[in-house]
Amino acid sequence: MYNPTKPDAGPWYGLTRPQREALTAAVENGYYALPREISTKELADGFGISDQAMTERLRRGITALVSNTLLAVDDEE
């Protein structure tokens, strides 16, 4: 079976557990919906972290996903 990810990305596409949990919560709670249904402040409160920490966690998670999936495919083409 073909898996277009970087070999060292691991089972979660290079995401840490906190990044995976934050991204999952963001999607499930409508952070990426239009219009947005929850703010990073509200998400952060659920994790006991600051708004800035949540924003950075989401940004790093998205970067890891893109790097280990979309960009991994580009490297092979």
PDB file of N, CA and C in Angstrom:
ATOM      1  N   MET A   1       0.835  -1.170   0.000  1.00  0.00           N
ATOM      2  CA  MET A   1       0.000   0.000   0.000  1.00  0.00           C
ATOM      3  C   MET A   1       0.888   1.244   0.000  1.00  0.00           C
ATOM      4  N   TYR A   2       0.580   2.193  -0.857  1.00  0.00           N
ATOM      5  CA  TYR A   2       1.347   3.432  -0.991  1.00  0.00           C
ATOM      6  C   TYR A   2       0.933   4.422   0.090  1.00  0.00           C
ATOM      7  N   ASN A   3       1.896   5.003   0.771  1.00  0.00           N
ATOM      8  CA  ASN A   3       1.643   5.996   1.805  1.00  0.00           C
ATOM      9  C   ASN A   3       2.485   7.229   1.497  1.00  0.00           C
ATOM     10  N   PRO A   4       1.873   8.272   0.939  1.00  0.00           N
ATOM     11  CA  PRO A   4       2.649   9.438   0.515  1.00  0.00           C
ATOM     12  C   PRO A   4       3.009  10.379   1.664  1.00  0.00           C
ATOM     13  N   THR A   5       3.720   9.882   2.655  1.00  0.00           N
ATOM     14  CA  THR A   5       4.204  10.719   3.746  1.00  0.00           C
ATOM     15  C   THR A   5       5.695  10.492   3.891  1.00  0.00           C
ATOM     16  N   LYS A   6       6.328  11.385   4.601  1.00  0.00           N
ATOM     17  CA  LYS A   6       7.752  11.203   4.880  1.00  0.00           C
ATOM     18  C   LYS A   6       7.908   9.992   5.799  1.00  0.00           C
ATOM     19  N   PRO A   7       8.879   9.149   5.558  1.00  0.00           N
ATOM     20  CA  PRO A   7       9.038   7.923   6.340  1.00  0.00           C
ATOM     21  C   PRO A   7       9.210   8.153   7.831  1.00  0.00           C
ATOM     22  N   ASP A   8       9.830   9.257   8.217  1.00  0.00           N
ATOM     23  CA  ASP A   8      10.054   9.511   9.635  1.00  0.00           C
ATOM     24  C   ASP A   8       8.931  10.319  10.287  1.00  0.00           C
ATOM     25  N   ALA A   9       7.822  10.503   9.595  1.00  0.00           N
ATOM     26  CA  ALA A   9       6.717  11.311  10.119  1.00  0.00           C
ATOM     27  C   ALA A   9       5.973  10.605  11.245  1.00  0.00           C
ATOM     28  N   GLY A  10       6.047   9.296  11.316  1.00  0.00           N
ATOM     29  CA  GLY A  10       5.338   8.567  12.361  1.00  0.00           C
ATOM     30  C   GLY A  10       3.868   8.401  12.031  1.00  0.00           C
ATOM     31  N   PRO A  11       3.132   7.776  12.933  1.00  0.00           N
ATOM     32  CA  PRO A  11       1.737   7.455  12.647  1.00  0.00           C
ATOM     33  C   PRO A  11       0.808   8.670  12.605  1.00  0.00           C
ATOM     34  N   TRP A  12       1.256   9.801  13.129  1.00  0.00           N
ATOM     35  CA  TRP A  12       0.390  10.984  13.158  1.00  0.00           C
ATOM     36  C   TRP A  12       0.937  12.105  12.290  1.00  0.00           C
ATOM     37  N   TYR A  13       1.625  11.756  11.216  1.00  0.00           N
ATOM     38  CA  TYR A  13       2.094  12.736  10.227  1.00  0.00           C
ATOM     39  C   TYR A  13       2.994  13.808  10.840  1.00  0.00           C
ATOM     40  N   GLY A  14       3.785  13.434  11.825  1.00  0.00           N
ATOM     41  CA  GLY A  14       4.723  14.361  12.432  1.00  0.00           C
ATOM     42  C   GLY A  14       4.142  15.240  13.521  1.00  0.00           C
ATOM     43  N   LEU A  15       2.865  15.040  13.857  1.00  0.00           N
ATOM     44  CA  LEU A  15       2.229  15.841  14.909  1.00  0.00           C
ATOM     45  C   LEU A  15       2.591  15.317  16.289  1.00  0.00           C
ATOM     46  N   THR A  16       2.760  16.235  17.223  1.00  0.00           N
ATOM     47  CA  THR A  16       2.869  15.831  18.614  1.00  0.00           C
ATOM     48  C   THR A  16       1.459  15.574  19.139  1.00  0.00           C
ATOM     49  N   ARG A  17       1.360  14.898  20.266  1.00  0.00           N
ATOM     50  CA  ARG A  17       0.034  14.663  20.849  1.00  0.00           C
ATOM     51  C   ARG A  17      -0.705  15.981  21.116  1.00  0.00           C
ATOM     52  N   PRO A  18      -0.056  17.008  21.736  1.00  0.00           N
ATOM     53  CA  PRO A  18      -0.767  18.268  21.949  1.00  0.00           C
ATOM     54  C   PRO A  18      -1.231  18.944  20.656  1.00  0.00           C
ATOM     55  N   GLN A  19      -0.415  18.864  19.616  1.00  0.00           N
ATOM     56  CA  GLN A  19      -0.821  19.442  18.330  1.00  0.00           C
ATOM     57  C   GLN A  19      -2.020  18.695  17.764  1.00  0.00           C
ATOM     58  N   ARG A  20      -1.987  17.373  17.825  1.00  0.00           N
ATOM     59  CA  ARG A  20      -3.095  16.555  17.321  1.00  0.00           C
ATOM     60  C   ARG A  20      -4.374  16.859  18.084  1.00  0.00           C
ATOM     61  N   GLU A  21      -4.280  16.966  19.403  1.00  0.00           N
ATOM     62  CA  GLU A  21      -5.461  17.259  20.214  1.00  0.00           C
ATOM     63  C   GLU A  21      -6.002  18.657  19.925  1.00  0.00           C
ATOM     64  N   ALA A  22      -5.107  19.623  19.762  1.00  0.00           N
ATOM     65  CA  ALA A  22      -5.533  20.994  19.472  1.00  0.00           C
ATOM     66  C   ALA A  22      -6.202  21.094  18.106  1.00  0.00           C
ATOM     67  N   LEU A  23      -5.607  20.484  17.096  1.00  0.00           N
ATOM     68  CA  LEU A  23      -6.201  20.527  15.757  1.00  0.00           C
ATOM     69  C   LEU A  23      -7.542  19.808  15.711  1.00  0.00           C
ATOM     70  N   THR A  24      -7.626  18.682  16.392  1.00  0.00           N
ATOM     71  CA  THR A  24      -8.889  17.941  16.438  1.00  0.00           C
ATOM     72  C   THR A  24      -9.970  18.776  17.114  1.00  0.00           C
ATOM     73  N   ALA A  25      -9.645  19.381  18.246  1.00  0.00           N
ATOM     74  CA  ALA A  25     -10.610  20.226  18.955  1.00  0.00           C
ATOM     75  C   ALA A  25     -11.014  21.422  18.106  1.00  0.00           C
ATOM     76  N   ALA A  26     -10.051  22.008  17.399  1.00  0.00           N
ATOM     77  CA  ALA A  26     -10.346  23.164  16.551  1.00  0.00           C
ATOM     78  C   ALA A  26     -11.346  22.796  15.461  1.00  0.00           C
ATOM     79  N   VAL A  27     -11.136  21.672  14.807  1.00  0.00           N
ATOM     80  CA  VAL A  27     -12.044  21.246  13.737  1.00  0.00           C
ATOM     81  C   VAL A  27     -13.407  20.873  14.320  1.00  0.00           C
ATOM     82  N   GLU A  28     -13.404  20.083  15.375  1.00  0.00           N
ATOM     83  CA  GLU A  28     -14.668  19.622  15.966  1.00  0.00           C
ATOM     84  C   GLU A  28     -15.513  20.766  16.523  1.00  0.00           C
ATOM     85  N   ASN A  29     -14.864  21.844  16.959  1.00  0.00           N
ATOM     86  CA  ASN A  29     -15.593  22.963  17.568  1.00  0.00           C
ATOM     87  C   ASN A  29     -15.816  24.139  16.630  1.00  0.00           C
ATOM     88  N   GLY A  30     -15.469  23.985  15.351  1.00  0.00           N
ATOM     89  CA  GLY A  30     -15.792  24.995  14.358  1.00  0.00           C
ATOM     90  C   GLY A  30     -14.811  26.142  14.222  1.00  0.00           C
ATOM     91  N   TYR A  31     -13.569  25.946  14.639  1.00  0.00           N
ATOM     92  CA  TYR A  31     -12.588  27.011  14.483  1.00  0.00           C
ATOM     93  C   TYR A  31     -12.327  27.312  13.001  1.00  0.00           C
ATOM     94  N   TYR A  32     -12.363  26.294  12.177  1.00  0.00           N
ATOM     95  CA  TYR A  32     -12.103  26.482  10.744  1.00  0.00           C
ATOM     96  C   TYR A  32     -13.383  26.659   9.925  1.00  0.00           C
ATOM     97  N   ALA A  33     -14.533  26.733  10.597  1.00  0.00           N
ATOM     98  CA  ALA A  33     -15.804  26.959   9.913  1.00  0.00           C
ATOM     99  C   ALA A  33     -15.904  28.434   9.508  1.00  0.00           C
ATOM    100  N   LEU A  34     -16.752  28.691   8.531  1.00  0.00           N
ATOM    101  CA  LEU A  34     -17.044  30.060   8.124  1.00  0.00           C
ATOM    102  C   LEU A  34     -18.523  30.314   8.333  1.00  0.00           C
ATOM    103  N   PRO A  35     -18.922  31.209   9.180  1.00  0.00           N
ATOM    104  CA  PRO A  35     -18.071  31.997  10.070  1.00  0.00           C
ATOM    105  C   PRO A  35     -17.512  31.118  11.201  1.00  0.00           C
ATOM    106  N   ARG A  36     -16.426  31.565  11.780  1.00  0.00           N
ATOM    107  CA  ARG A  36     -15.759  30.841  12.866  1.00  0.00           C
ATOM    108  C   ARG A  36     -16.720  30.705  14.045  1.00  0.00           C
ATOM    109  N   GLU A  37     -16.790  29.493  14.604  1.00  0.00           N
ATOM    110  CA  GLU A  37     -17.722  29.214  15.697  1.00  0.00           C
ATOM    111  C   GLU A  37     -17.073  29.232  17.077  1.00  0.00           C
ATOM    112  N   ILE A  38     -15.750  29.304  17.124  1.00  0.00           N
ATOM    113  CA  ILE A  38     -15.020  29.340  18.387  1.00  0.00           C
ATOM    114  C   ILE A  38     -13.716  30.094  18.163  1.00  0.00           C
ATOM    115  N   SER A  39     -13.259  30.776  19.178  1.00  0.00           N
ATOM    116  CA  SER A  39     -12.014  31.541  19.071  1.00  0.00           C
ATOM    117  C   SER A  39     -10.847  30.732  19.623  1.00  0.00           C
ATOM    118  N   THR A  40      -9.638  31.186  19.324  1.00  0.00           N
ATOM    119  CA  THR A  40      -8.473  30.518  19.905  1.00  0.00           C
ATOM    120  C   THR A  40      -8.466  30.701  21.420  1.00  0.00           C
ATOM    121  N   LYS A  41      -8.994  31.805  21.915  1.00  0.00           N
ATOM    122  CA  LYS A  41      -9.091  32.030  23.362  1.00  0.00           C
ATOM    123  C   LYS A  41      -9.975  30.967  24.003  1.00  0.00           C
ATOM    124  N   GLU A  42     -11.129  30.705  23.391  1.00  0.00           N
ATOM    125  CA  GLU A  42     -12.037  29.688  23.924  1.00  0.00           C
ATOM    126  C   GLU A  42     -11.411  28.294  23.841  1.00  0.00           C
ATOM    127  N   LEU A  43     -10.755  27.991  22.725  1.00  0.00           N
ATOM    128  CA  LEU A  43     -10.060  26.708  22.605  1.00  0.00           C
ATOM    129  C   LEU A  43      -8.979  26.583  23.669  1.00  0.00           C
ATOM    130  N   ALA A  44      -8.191  27.646  23.822  1.00  0.00           N
ATOM    131  CA  ALA A  44      -7.089  27.644  24.785  1.00  0.00           C
ATOM    132  C   ALA A  44      -7.591  27.411  26.204  1.00  0.00           C
ATOM    133  N   ASP A  45      -8.713  28.033  26.547  1.00  0.00           N
ATOM    134  CA  ASP A  45      -9.272  27.856  27.885  1.00  0.00           C
ATOM    135  C   ASP A  45      -9.561  26.388  28.175  1.00  0.00           C
ATOM    136  N   GLY A  46     -10.004  25.653  27.174  1.00  0.00           N
ATOM    137  CA  GLY A  46     -10.288  24.228  27.339  1.00  0.00           C
ATOM    138  C   GLY A  46      -9.037  23.392  27.578  1.00  0.00           C
ATOM    139  N   PHE A  47      -7.880  23.916  27.186  1.00  0.00           N
ATOM    140  CA  PHE A  47      -6.613  23.211  27.367  1.00  0.00           C
ATOM    141  C   PHE A  47      -5.787  23.776  28.525  1.00  0.00           C
ATOM    142  N   GLY A  48      -6.271  24.867  29.105  1.00  0.00           N
ATOM    143  CA  GLY A  48      -5.537  25.491  30.200  1.00  0.00           C
ATOM    144  C   GLY A  48      -4.258  26.168  29.758  1.00  0.00           C
ATOM    145  N   ILE A  49      -4.265  26.702  28.522  1.00  0.00           N
ATOM    146  CA  ILE A  49      -3.093  27.399  27.986  1.00  0.00           C
ATOM    147  C   ILE A  49      -3.526  28.779  27.505  1.00  0.00           C
ATOM    148  N   SER A  50      -2.555  29.610  27.158  1.00  0.00           N
ATOM    149  CA  SER A  50      -2.870  30.958  26.683  1.00  0.00           C
ATOM    150  C   SER A  50      -3.357  30.934  25.237  1.00  0.00           C
ATOM    151  N   ASP A  51      -3.996  32.015  24.866  1.00  0.00           N
ATOM    152  CA  ASP A  51      -4.446  32.196  23.484  1.00  0.00           C
ATOM    153  C   ASP A  51      -3.261  32.103  22.527  1.00  0.00           C
ATOM    154  N   GLN A  52      -2.156  32.764  22.869  1.00  0.00           N
ATOM    155  CA  GLN A  52      -0.953  32.736  22.029  1.00  0.00           C
ATOM    156  C   GLN A  52      -0.401  31.313  21.905  1.00  0.00           C
ATOM    157  N   ALA A  53      -0.391  30.566  23.003  1.00  0.00           N
ATOM    158  CA  ALA A  53       0.107  29.186  22.964  1.00  0.00           C
ATOM    159  C   ALA A  53      -0.772  28.318  22.057  1.00  0.00           C
ATOM    160  N   MET A  54      -2.079  28.535  22.097  1.00  0.00           N
ATOM    161  CA  MET A  54      -2.982  27.768  21.230  1.00  0.00           C
ATOM    162  C   MET A  54      -2.737  28.122  19.768  1.00  0.00           C
ATOM    163  N   THR A  55      -2.599  29.406  19.483  1.00  0.00           N
ATOM    164  CA  THR A  55      -2.334  29.836  18.107  1.00  0.00           C
ATOM    165  C   THR A  55      -1.055  29.199  17.579  1.00  0.00           C
ATOM    166  N   GLU A  56      -0.001  29.208  18.390  1.00  0.00           N
ATOM    167  CA  GLU A  56       1.272  28.613  17.976  1.00  0.00           C
ATOM    168  C   GLU A  56       1.155  27.098  17.821  1.00  0.00           C
ATOM    169  N   ARG A  57       0.416  26.451  18.693  1.00  0.00           N
ATOM    170  CA  ARG A  57       0.237  25.000  18.604  1.00  0.00           C
ATOM    171  C   ARG A  57      -0.477  24.637  17.306  1.00  0.00           C
ATOM    172  N   LEU A  58      -1.517  25.381  16.962  1.00  0.00           N
ATOM    173  CA  LEU A  58      -2.232  25.133  15.703  1.00  0.00           C
ATOM    174  C   LEU A  58      -1.315  25.389  14.508  1.00  0.00           C
ATOM    175  N   ARG A  59      -0.563  26.491  14.554  1.00  0.00           N
ATOM    176  CA  ARG A  59       0.335  26.823  13.438  1.00  0.00           C
ATOM    177  C   ARG A  59       1.390  25.748  13.243  1.00  0.00           C
ATOM    178  N   ARG A  60       2.018  25.315  14.335  1.00  0.00           N
ATOM    179  CA  ARG A  60       3.043  24.264  14.228  1.00  0.00           C
ATOM    180  C   ARG A  60       2.428  22.944  13.750  1.00  0.00           C
ATOM    181  N   GLY A  61       1.223  22.649  14.210  1.00  0.00           N
ATOM    182  CA  GLY A  61       0.553  21.424  13.773  1.00  0.00           C
ATOM    183  C   GLY A  61       0.246  21.431  12.284  1.00  0.00           C
ATOM    184  N   ILE A  62      -0.256  22.544  11.797  1.00  0.00           N
ATOM    185  CA  ILE A  62      -0.558  22.652  10.366  1.00  0.00           C
ATOM    186  C   ILE A  62       0.727  22.559   9.547  1.00  0.00           C
ATOM    187  N   THR A  63       1.786  23.196  10.025  1.00  0.00           N
ATOM    188  CA  THR A  63       3.074  23.111   9.336  1.00  0.00           C
ATOM    189  C   THR A  63       3.558  21.661   9.272  1.00  0.00           C
ATOM    190  N   ALA A  64       3.433  20.927  10.370  1.00  0.00           N
ATOM    191  CA  ALA A  64       3.844  19.522  10.388  1.00  0.00           C
ATOM    192  C   ALA A  64       3.013  18.694   9.416  1.00  0.00           C
ATOM    193  N   LEU A  65       1.699  18.908   9.409  1.00  0.00           N
ATOM    194  CA  LEU A  65       0.837  18.152   8.487  1.00  0.00           C
ATOM    195  C   LEU A  65       1.201  18.411   7.024  1.00  0.00           C
ATOM    196  N   VAL A  66       1.360  19.655   6.674  1.00  0.00           N
ATOM    197  CA  VAL A  66       1.690  19.996   5.287  1.00  0.00           C
ATOM    198  C   VAL A  66       3.074  19.463   4.920  1.00  0.00           C
ATOM    199  N   SER A  67       4.042  19.636   5.804  1.00  0.00           N
ATOM    200  CA  SER A  67       5.400  19.176   5.522  1.00  0.00           C
ATOM    201  C   SER A  67       5.480  17.669   5.330  1.00  0.00           C
ATOM    202  N   ASN A  68       4.702  16.936   6.109  1.00  0.00           N
ATOM    203  CA  ASN A  68       4.785  15.479   6.084  1.00  0.00           C
ATOM    204  C   ASN A  68       3.778  14.793   5.164  1.00  0.00           C
ATOM    205  N   THR A  69       2.925  15.587   4.510  1.00  0.00           N
ATOM    206  CA  THR A  69       1.972  15.003   3.570  1.00  0.00           C
ATOM    207  C   THR A  69       2.104  15.671   2.206  1.00  0.00           C
ATOM    208  N   LEU A  70       1.615  16.875   2.071  1.00  0.00           N
ATOM    209  CA  LEU A  70       1.611  17.549   0.772  1.00  0.00           C
ATOM    210  C   LEU A  70       3.010  17.767   0.216  1.00  0.00           C
ATOM    211  N   LEU A  71       3.910  18.237   1.058  1.00  0.00           N
ATOM    212  CA  LEU A  71       5.272  18.465   0.581  1.00  0.00           C
ATOM    213  C   LEU A  71       6.025  17.163   0.361  1.00  0.00           C
ATOM    214  N   ALA A  72       5.670  16.127   1.120  1.00  0.00           N
ATOM    215  CA  ALA A  72       6.297  14.822   0.912  1.00  0.00           C
ATOM    216  C   ALA A  72       5.958  14.267  -0.459  1.00  0.00           C
ATOM    217  N   VAL A  73       4.732  14.487  -0.910  1.00  0.00           N
ATOM    218  CA  VAL A  73       4.316  14.040  -2.243  1.00  0.00           C
ATOM    219  C   VAL A  73       5.073  14.821  -3.313  1.00  0.00           C
ATOM    220  N   ASP A  74       5.236  16.125  -3.124  1.00  0.00           N
ATOM    221  CA  ASP A  74       5.973  16.948  -4.089  1.00  0.00           C
ATOM    222  C   ASP A  74       7.415  16.475  -4.224  1.00  0.00           C
ATOM    223  N   ASP A  75       8.025  16.042  -3.119  1.00  0.00           N
ATOM    224  CA  ASP A  75       9.411  15.550  -3.148  1.00  0.00           C
ATOM    225  C   ASP A  75       9.552  14.297  -4.004  1.00  0.00           C
ATOM    226  N   GLU A  76       8.497  13.492  -4.072  1.00  0.00           N
ATOM    227  CA  GLU A  76       8.550  12.228  -4.814  1.00  0.00           C
ATOM    228  C   GLU A  76       8.242  12.386  -6.281  1.00  0.00           C
ATOM    229  N   GLU A  77       7.632  13.484  -6.663  1.00  0.00           N
ATOM    230  CA  GLU A  77       7.234  13.667  -8.063  1.00  0.00           C
ATOM    231  C   GLU A  77       8.382  14.169  -8.914  1.00  0.00           C
TER     232      GLU A  77
END
